[in-house]
């Protein structure tokens, strides 16, 4: 049986205290058929134009490196915030970029789950690279 996808959701911005009931949720999603990539989804609930939203793809290794040192370029930049035990994600998007902070332990636990499913270095190179390129270039549907 192939490994299952791994996902974690983190509430980034709890606007419930304002009485408006709006939150922003960050989802990290990894799929075994695309083991080199992690999809980052940022969604406002309920949807609202003032709250950040979008979809990005980053290398799983970059997410891991970002736990300890600044990494990434282009649309996703990752840097540790050791004083607060968090990881900062700078996400480029049309208009104003989104910056979110996620607990380091949450990202680490997510990455450990992906490692148990498909350890780094054991990905089938050709298939993994083809899947990553398709996702980065937007030629692969989000569900598959």
N, C-alpha and C. Protein backbone atom coordinates (compact mmCIF):
# COMPACT_ATOMS: atom_id res chain seq x y z
N UNK A 1 0.85 -1.18 0.00
CA UNK A 1 0.00 0.00 0.00
C UNK A 1 0.90 1.25 0.00
N UNK A 2 0.68 2.16 -0.94
CA UNK A 2 1.52 3.37 -0.99
C UNK A 2 1.28 4.25 0.24
N UNK A 3 2.29 5.03 0.62
CA UNK A 3 2.11 5.93 1.76
C UNK A 3 1.02 6.97 1.49
N UNK A 4 0.40 7.42 2.56
CA UNK A 4 -0.66 8.42 2.47
C UNK A 4 -0.06 9.82 2.46
N UNK A 5 -0.79 10.79 1.92
CA UNK A 5 -0.33 12.18 2.00
C UNK A 5 -0.22 12.61 3.46
N UNK A 6 0.62 13.61 3.69
CA UNK A 6 0.82 14.16 5.04
C UNK A 6 0.41 15.63 4.99
N UNK A 7 -0.41 16.04 5.94
CA UNK A 7 -0.86 17.43 5.98
C UNK A 7 -0.92 17.90 7.42
N UNK A 8 -0.68 19.20 7.59
CA UNK A 8 -0.85 19.83 8.89
C UNK A 8 -1.45 21.21 8.65
N UNK A 9 -2.39 21.59 9.52
CA UNK A 9 -2.99 22.91 9.44
C UNK A 9 -2.63 23.70 10.68
N UNK A 10 -2.35 24.99 10.49
CA UNK A 10 -2.00 25.88 11.59
C UNK A 10 -2.81 27.16 11.44
N UNK A 11 -3.51 27.55 12.50
CA UNK A 11 -4.22 28.83 12.47
C UNK A 11 -3.18 29.93 12.63
N UNK A 12 -3.09 30.80 11.65
CA UNK A 12 -2.08 31.85 11.63
C UNK A 12 -2.59 33.12 12.27
N UNK A 13 -3.82 33.49 11.96
CA UNK A 13 -4.33 34.79 12.38
C UNK A 13 -5.73 34.61 12.92
N UNK A 14 -5.87 34.55 14.21
CA UNK A 14 -7.19 34.36 14.79
C UNK A 14 -7.85 35.72 15.00
N UNK A 15 -8.79 36.03 14.16
CA UNK A 15 -9.50 37.30 14.25
C UNK A 15 -10.78 37.17 15.07
N UNK A 16 -10.96 36.00 15.69
CA UNK A 16 -12.16 35.78 16.47
C UNK A 16 -12.34 36.78 17.59
N UNK A 17 -11.25 37.29 18.13
CA UNK A 17 -11.36 38.24 19.24
C UNK A 17 -11.95 39.58 18.80
N UNK A 18 -11.98 39.82 17.50
CA UNK A 18 -12.56 41.08 17.02
C UNK A 18 -14.07 40.97 16.85
N UNK A 19 -14.58 39.76 17.01
CA UNK A 19 -16.01 39.56 16.82
C UNK A 19 -16.39 39.30 15.38
N UNK A 20 -15.42 39.27 14.50
CA UNK A 20 -15.71 39.04 13.07
C UNK A 20 -15.58 37.58 12.68
N UNK A 21 -14.94 36.77 13.51
CA UNK A 21 -14.85 35.34 13.27
C UNK A 21 -14.02 34.95 12.06
N UNK A 22 -13.06 35.74 11.67
CA UNK A 22 -12.21 35.42 10.53
C UNK A 22 -10.87 34.88 11.01
N UNK A 23 -10.39 33.85 10.32
CA UNK A 23 -9.08 33.30 10.63
C UNK A 23 -8.33 33.05 9.33
N UNK A 24 -7.02 32.92 9.42
CA UNK A 24 -6.20 32.51 8.29
C UNK A 24 -5.56 31.18 8.67
N UNK A 25 -5.68 30.20 7.79
CA UNK A 25 -5.16 28.86 8.05
C UNK A 25 -4.06 28.56 7.04
N UNK A 26 -2.91 28.12 7.56
CA UNK A 26 -1.80 27.67 6.72
C UNK A 26 -1.83 26.15 6.72
N UNK A 27 -1.78 25.55 5.53
CA UNK A 27 -1.71 24.10 5.40
C UNK A 27 -0.41 23.74 4.71
N UNK A 28 0.33 22.81 5.30
CA UNK A 28 1.49 22.20 4.65
C UNK A 28 1.01 20.85 4.16
N UNK A 29 1.20 20.56 2.87
CA UNK A 29 0.71 19.33 2.27
C UNK A 29 1.83 18.67 1.48
N UNK A 30 2.06 17.41 1.78
CA UNK A 30 3.07 16.61 1.08
C UNK A 30 2.39 15.37 0.52
N UNK A 31 2.72 15.04 -0.72
CA UNK A 31 2.14 13.86 -1.38
C UNK A 31 3.26 12.90 -1.78
N UNK A 32 3.07 11.60 -1.52
CA UNK A 32 4.12 10.63 -1.84
C UNK A 32 4.42 10.54 -3.34
N UNK A 33 3.43 10.86 -4.18
CA UNK A 33 3.69 10.82 -5.63
C UNK A 33 4.53 12.01 -6.10
N UNK A 34 4.73 12.98 -5.23
CA UNK A 34 5.54 14.16 -5.51
C UNK A 34 6.42 14.41 -4.27
N UNK A 35 7.32 13.47 -3.94
CA UNK A 35 8.00 13.48 -2.65
C UNK A 35 9.01 14.61 -2.43
N UNK A 36 9.42 15.29 -3.48
CA UNK A 36 10.39 16.37 -3.33
C UNK A 36 9.74 17.69 -2.92
N UNK A 37 8.42 17.79 -3.07
CA UNK A 37 7.74 19.07 -2.90
C UNK A 37 6.82 19.09 -1.69
N UNK A 38 6.66 20.29 -1.15
CA UNK A 38 5.65 20.57 -0.12
C UNK A 38 4.80 21.72 -0.65
N UNK A 39 3.51 21.53 -0.63
CA UNK A 39 2.59 22.58 -1.05
C UNK A 39 2.21 23.39 0.19
N UNK A 40 2.21 24.69 0.04
CA UNK A 40 1.82 25.60 1.11
C UNK A 40 0.54 26.30 0.67
N UNK A 41 -0.51 26.14 1.45
CA UNK A 41 -1.79 26.78 1.15
C UNK A 41 -2.12 27.75 2.27
N UNK A 42 -2.51 28.94 1.91
CA UNK A 42 -2.92 29.95 2.87
C UNK A 42 -4.35 30.34 2.50
N UNK A 43 -5.28 30.13 3.44
CA UNK A 43 -6.70 30.32 3.15
C UNK A 43 -7.33 31.14 4.27
N UNK A 44 -8.12 32.11 3.90
CA UNK A 44 -8.90 32.88 4.87
C UNK A 44 -10.25 32.20 5.05
N UNK A 45 -10.68 32.09 6.29
CA UNK A 45 -11.97 31.45 6.57
C UNK A 45 -12.80 32.36 7.44
N UNK A 46 -13.93 32.84 7.01
CA UNK A 46 -14.40 32.80 5.63
C UNK A 46 -13.53 33.71 4.76
N UNK A 47 -13.60 33.46 3.47
CA UNK A 47 -12.78 34.22 2.53
C UNK A 47 -13.05 35.72 2.68
N UNK A 48 -11.96 36.47 2.68
CA UNK A 48 -12.08 37.93 2.80
C UNK A 48 -10.90 38.55 2.07
N UNK A 49 -11.10 39.58 1.25
CA UNK A 49 -10.01 40.15 0.45
C UNK A 49 -8.90 40.80 1.27
N UNK A 50 -9.17 41.16 2.52
CA UNK A 50 -8.14 41.80 3.34
C UNK A 50 -7.19 40.78 3.98
N UNK A 51 -7.56 39.50 3.96
CA UNK A 51 -6.72 38.47 4.56
C UNK A 51 -5.89 37.78 3.48
N UNK A 52 -4.65 37.41 3.80
CA UNK A 52 -3.79 36.80 2.79
C UNK A 52 -4.27 35.40 2.41
N UNK A 53 -4.03 35.04 1.15
CA UNK A 53 -4.34 33.70 0.67
C UNK A 53 -3.48 33.41 -0.54
N UNK A 54 -3.29 32.13 -0.82
CA UNK A 54 -2.50 31.74 -1.99
C UNK A 54 -2.02 30.31 -1.87
N UNK A 55 -1.28 29.90 -2.90
CA UNK A 55 -0.73 28.55 -3.00
C UNK A 55 0.70 28.66 -3.49
N UNK A 56 1.62 27.98 -2.81
CA UNK A 56 3.02 27.98 -3.17
C UNK A 56 3.55 26.56 -3.09
N UNK A 57 4.66 26.31 -3.77
CA UNK A 57 5.34 25.01 -3.70
C UNK A 57 6.79 25.26 -3.36
N UNK A 58 7.31 24.46 -2.42
CA UNK A 58 8.69 24.59 -1.99
C UNK A 58 9.29 23.19 -1.91
N UNK A 59 10.59 23.09 -2.12
CA UNK A 59 11.26 21.81 -1.95
C UNK A 59 11.19 21.37 -0.49
N UNK A 60 10.93 20.10 -0.27
CA UNK A 60 10.89 19.58 1.10
C UNK A 60 12.21 19.85 1.80
N UNK A 61 13.33 19.69 1.09
CA UNK A 61 14.64 19.95 1.69
C UNK A 61 14.79 21.42 2.10
N UNK A 62 14.25 22.35 1.30
CA UNK A 62 14.33 23.77 1.67
C UNK A 62 13.58 24.04 2.96
N UNK A 63 12.41 23.40 3.11
CA UNK A 63 11.64 23.58 4.34
C UNK A 63 12.45 23.06 5.53
N UNK A 64 13.13 21.95 5.34
CA UNK A 64 13.97 21.38 6.41
C UNK A 64 15.14 22.32 6.72
N UNK A 65 15.83 22.80 5.70
CA UNK A 65 16.97 23.71 5.93
C UNK A 65 16.52 24.98 6.64
N UNK A 66 15.31 25.45 6.31
CA UNK A 66 14.79 26.68 6.88
C UNK A 66 14.55 26.60 8.38
N UNK A 67 14.54 25.40 8.94
CA UNK A 67 14.42 25.26 10.39
C UNK A 67 15.64 25.83 11.10
N UNK A 68 16.79 25.80 10.42
CA UNK A 68 18.05 26.18 11.07
C UNK A 68 18.78 27.35 10.43
N UNK A 69 18.46 27.65 9.16
CA UNK A 69 19.15 28.75 8.49
C UNK A 69 18.25 29.33 7.41
N UNK A 70 18.43 30.62 7.09
CA UNK A 70 17.61 31.22 6.02
C UNK A 70 17.85 30.50 4.70
N UNK A 71 16.79 30.23 3.98
CA UNK A 71 16.91 29.54 2.70
C UNK A 71 15.74 29.93 1.80
N UNK A 72 15.82 29.48 0.57
CA UNK A 72 14.76 29.74 -0.40
C UNK A 72 15.02 31.01 -1.17
N UNK A 73 14.29 31.14 -2.25
CA UNK A 73 14.36 32.35 -3.06
C UNK A 73 13.08 32.41 -3.88
N UNK A 74 12.92 33.45 -4.61
CA UNK A 74 11.72 33.54 -5.42
C UNK A 74 10.47 33.67 -4.58
N UNK A 75 9.52 32.78 -4.79
CA UNK A 75 8.21 32.91 -4.16
C UNK A 75 8.17 32.52 -2.69
N UNK A 76 9.09 31.66 -2.23
CA UNK A 76 9.07 31.20 -0.84
C UNK A 76 10.46 31.37 -0.24
N UNK A 77 10.50 32.14 0.85
CA UNK A 77 11.74 32.30 1.62
C UNK A 77 11.45 31.85 3.04
N UNK A 78 12.37 31.07 3.61
CA UNK A 78 12.15 30.47 4.92
C UNK A 78 13.30 30.86 5.83
N UNK A 79 13.00 31.22 7.06
CA UNK A 79 14.06 31.55 8.01
C UNK A 79 13.63 31.17 9.43
N UNK A 80 14.60 30.72 10.21
CA UNK A 80 14.29 30.35 11.60
C UNK A 80 14.14 31.59 12.47
N UNK A 81 13.35 31.46 13.50
CA UNK A 81 13.22 32.49 14.53
C UNK A 81 13.45 31.77 15.86
N UNK A 82 14.75 31.47 16.18
CA UNK A 82 15.04 30.64 17.35
C UNK A 82 14.58 31.26 18.67
N UNK A 83 14.55 32.57 18.76
CA UNK A 83 14.14 33.22 20.01
C UNK A 83 12.69 32.89 20.36
N UNK A 84 11.88 32.67 19.33
CA UNK A 84 10.46 32.37 19.56
C UNK A 84 10.11 30.92 19.23
N UNK A 85 11.13 30.10 18.86
CA UNK A 85 10.92 28.69 18.47
C UNK A 85 9.91 28.59 17.33
N UNK A 86 10.10 29.45 16.33
CA UNK A 86 9.19 29.50 15.19
C UNK A 86 9.98 29.52 13.88
N UNK A 87 9.27 29.32 12.79
CA UNK A 87 9.84 29.40 11.44
C UNK A 87 9.02 30.44 10.69
N UNK A 88 9.72 31.36 10.05
CA UNK A 88 9.06 32.44 9.30
C UNK A 88 9.03 32.05 7.82
N UNK A 89 7.87 32.20 7.21
CA UNK A 89 7.70 31.96 5.78
C UNK A 89 7.32 33.28 5.12
N UNK A 90 8.14 33.74 4.20
CA UNK A 90 7.82 34.91 3.40
C UNK A 90 7.32 34.40 2.05
N UNK A 91 6.07 34.68 1.74
CA UNK A 91 5.40 34.12 0.58
C UNK A 91 5.05 35.24 -0.40
N UNK A 92 5.70 35.24 -1.56
CA UNK A 92 5.44 36.26 -2.57
C UNK A 92 4.08 36.00 -3.20
N UNK A 93 3.35 37.09 -3.42
CA UNK A 93 2.03 37.00 -4.07
C UNK A 93 1.73 38.35 -4.70
N UNK A 94 0.79 38.37 -5.64
CA UNK A 94 0.42 39.65 -6.24
C UNK A 94 -0.05 40.63 -5.18
N UNK A 95 0.28 41.87 -5.36
CA UNK A 95 -0.06 42.87 -4.34
C UNK A 95 0.99 42.86 -3.25
N UNK A 96 0.58 42.54 -2.07
CA UNK A 96 1.48 42.54 -0.93
C UNK A 96 1.85 41.11 -0.54
N UNK A 97 3.15 40.86 -0.31
CA UNK A 97 3.59 39.54 0.11
C UNK A 97 2.98 39.18 1.46
N UNK A 98 2.88 37.88 1.71
CA UNK A 98 2.38 37.40 2.99
C UNK A 98 3.56 36.88 3.81
N UNK A 99 3.59 37.21 5.08
CA UNK A 99 4.60 36.68 6.00
C UNK A 99 3.85 35.99 7.13
N UNK A 100 4.19 34.72 7.35
CA UNK A 100 3.55 33.97 8.42
C UNK A 100 4.62 33.33 9.29
N UNK A 101 4.26 33.08 10.52
CA UNK A 101 5.17 32.46 11.48
C UNK A 101 4.50 31.19 12.00
N UNK A 102 5.24 30.08 11.95
CA UNK A 102 4.70 28.78 12.31
C UNK A 102 5.57 28.18 13.41
N UNK A 103 4.98 27.50 14.39
CA UNK A 103 5.81 26.86 15.41
C UNK A 103 6.81 25.88 14.79
N UNK A 104 8.06 25.98 15.19
CA UNK A 104 9.12 25.12 14.65
C UNK A 104 8.78 23.65 14.87
N UNK A 105 8.26 23.31 16.05
CA UNK A 105 7.93 21.91 16.35
C UNK A 105 6.87 21.36 15.41
N UNK A 106 5.94 22.20 14.98
CA UNK A 106 4.90 21.77 14.05
C UNK A 106 5.51 21.41 12.70
N UNK A 107 6.41 22.27 12.20
CA UNK A 107 7.07 22.01 10.92
C UNK A 107 7.95 20.78 11.03
N UNK A 108 8.69 20.65 12.13
CA UNK A 108 9.57 19.50 12.32
C UNK A 108 8.77 18.20 12.37
N UNK A 109 7.66 18.17 13.10
CA UNK A 109 6.83 16.97 13.17
C UNK A 109 6.26 16.61 11.79
N UNK A 110 5.84 17.63 11.03
CA UNK A 110 5.35 17.41 9.67
C UNK A 110 6.43 16.77 8.80
N UNK A 111 7.64 17.33 8.84
CA UNK A 111 8.75 16.79 8.05
C UNK A 111 9.12 15.37 8.47
N UNK A 112 9.08 15.09 9.76
CA UNK A 112 9.37 13.73 10.24
C UNK A 112 8.35 12.73 9.70
N UNK A 113 7.09 13.13 9.62
CA UNK A 113 6.07 12.25 9.05
C UNK A 113 6.35 11.97 7.58
N UNK A 114 6.77 12.99 6.83
CA UNK A 114 7.07 12.77 5.42
C UNK A 114 8.29 11.87 5.26
N UNK A 115 9.25 12.01 6.17
CA UNK A 115 10.45 11.17 6.13
C UNK A 115 10.13 9.71 6.39
N UNK A 116 9.19 9.46 7.31
CA UNK A 116 8.80 8.07 7.57
C UNK A 116 8.14 7.45 6.35
N UNK A 117 7.40 8.24 5.60
CA UNK A 117 6.72 7.74 4.40
C UNK A 117 7.68 7.52 3.25
N UNK A 118 8.50 8.53 2.94
CA UNK A 118 9.49 8.45 1.85
C UNK A 118 10.73 9.19 2.32
N UNK A 119 11.73 8.45 2.83
CA UNK A 119 12.95 9.11 3.33
C UNK A 119 13.66 9.90 2.23
N UNK A 120 14.22 11.05 2.61
CA UNK A 120 15.01 11.86 1.67
C UNK A 120 16.12 10.99 1.08
N UNK A 121 16.30 11.11 -0.20
CA UNK A 121 17.33 10.35 -0.90
C UNK A 121 16.83 9.05 -1.49
N UNK A 122 15.62 8.62 -1.10
CA UNK A 122 15.08 7.38 -1.65
C UNK A 122 14.01 7.63 -2.69
N UNK A 123 13.73 8.90 -2.99
CA UNK A 123 12.74 9.22 -4.01
C UNK A 123 13.22 8.68 -5.35
N UNK A 124 12.30 8.17 -6.15
CA UNK A 124 12.68 7.74 -7.49
C UNK A 124 12.90 9.00 -8.30
N UNK A 125 14.14 9.24 -8.65
CA UNK A 125 14.57 10.53 -9.20
C UNK A 125 13.73 11.03 -10.38
N UNK A 126 13.61 10.24 -11.44
CA UNK A 126 12.95 10.73 -12.64
C UNK A 126 11.48 11.07 -12.37
N UNK A 127 10.76 10.17 -11.70
CA UNK A 127 9.35 10.41 -11.41
C UNK A 127 9.18 11.60 -10.46
N UNK A 128 10.03 11.67 -9.44
CA UNK A 128 9.93 12.75 -8.46
C UNK A 128 10.20 14.10 -9.10
N UNK A 129 11.20 14.17 -9.94
CA UNK A 129 11.54 15.44 -10.60
C UNK A 129 10.44 15.84 -11.58
N UNK A 130 9.90 14.87 -12.34
CA UNK A 130 8.80 15.18 -13.25
C UNK A 130 7.59 15.72 -12.50
N UNK A 131 7.25 15.10 -11.37
CA UNK A 131 6.10 15.56 -10.58
C UNK A 131 6.35 16.95 -10.01
N UNK A 132 7.56 17.18 -9.51
CA UNK A 132 7.88 18.50 -8.96
C UNK A 132 7.81 19.57 -10.04
N UNK A 133 8.38 19.31 -11.20
CA UNK A 133 8.34 20.28 -12.29
C UNK A 133 6.90 20.58 -12.71
N UNK A 134 6.09 19.54 -12.80
CA UNK A 134 4.68 19.74 -13.18
C UNK A 134 3.98 20.63 -12.16
N UNK A 135 4.24 20.40 -10.88
CA UNK A 135 3.58 21.21 -9.85
C UNK A 135 4.11 22.63 -9.88
N UNK A 136 5.42 22.83 -10.00
CA UNK A 136 5.99 24.17 -10.04
C UNK A 136 5.53 24.96 -11.25
N UNK A 137 5.36 24.28 -12.37
CA UNK A 137 4.94 24.95 -13.59
C UNK A 137 3.42 25.06 -13.72
N UNK A 138 2.71 24.48 -12.76
CA UNK A 138 1.26 24.59 -12.77
C UNK A 138 0.58 23.73 -13.80
N UNK A 139 1.26 22.67 -14.28
CA UNK A 139 0.66 21.81 -15.30
C UNK A 139 0.02 20.58 -14.70
N UNK A 140 0.10 20.44 -13.39
CA UNK A 140 -0.50 19.29 -12.72
C UNK A 140 -1.68 19.78 -11.89
N UNK A 141 -2.81 19.10 -11.96
CA UNK A 141 -3.94 19.53 -11.14
C UNK A 141 -3.61 19.42 -9.66
N UNK A 142 -4.15 20.30 -8.81
CA UNK A 142 -3.84 20.31 -7.40
C UNK A 142 -4.09 18.99 -6.68
N UNK A 143 -5.06 18.20 -7.15
CA UNK A 143 -5.36 16.95 -6.47
C UNK A 143 -4.57 15.78 -7.00
N UNK A 144 -3.68 16.01 -7.90
CA UNK A 144 -3.08 14.80 -8.35
C UNK A 144 -1.94 14.87 -9.18
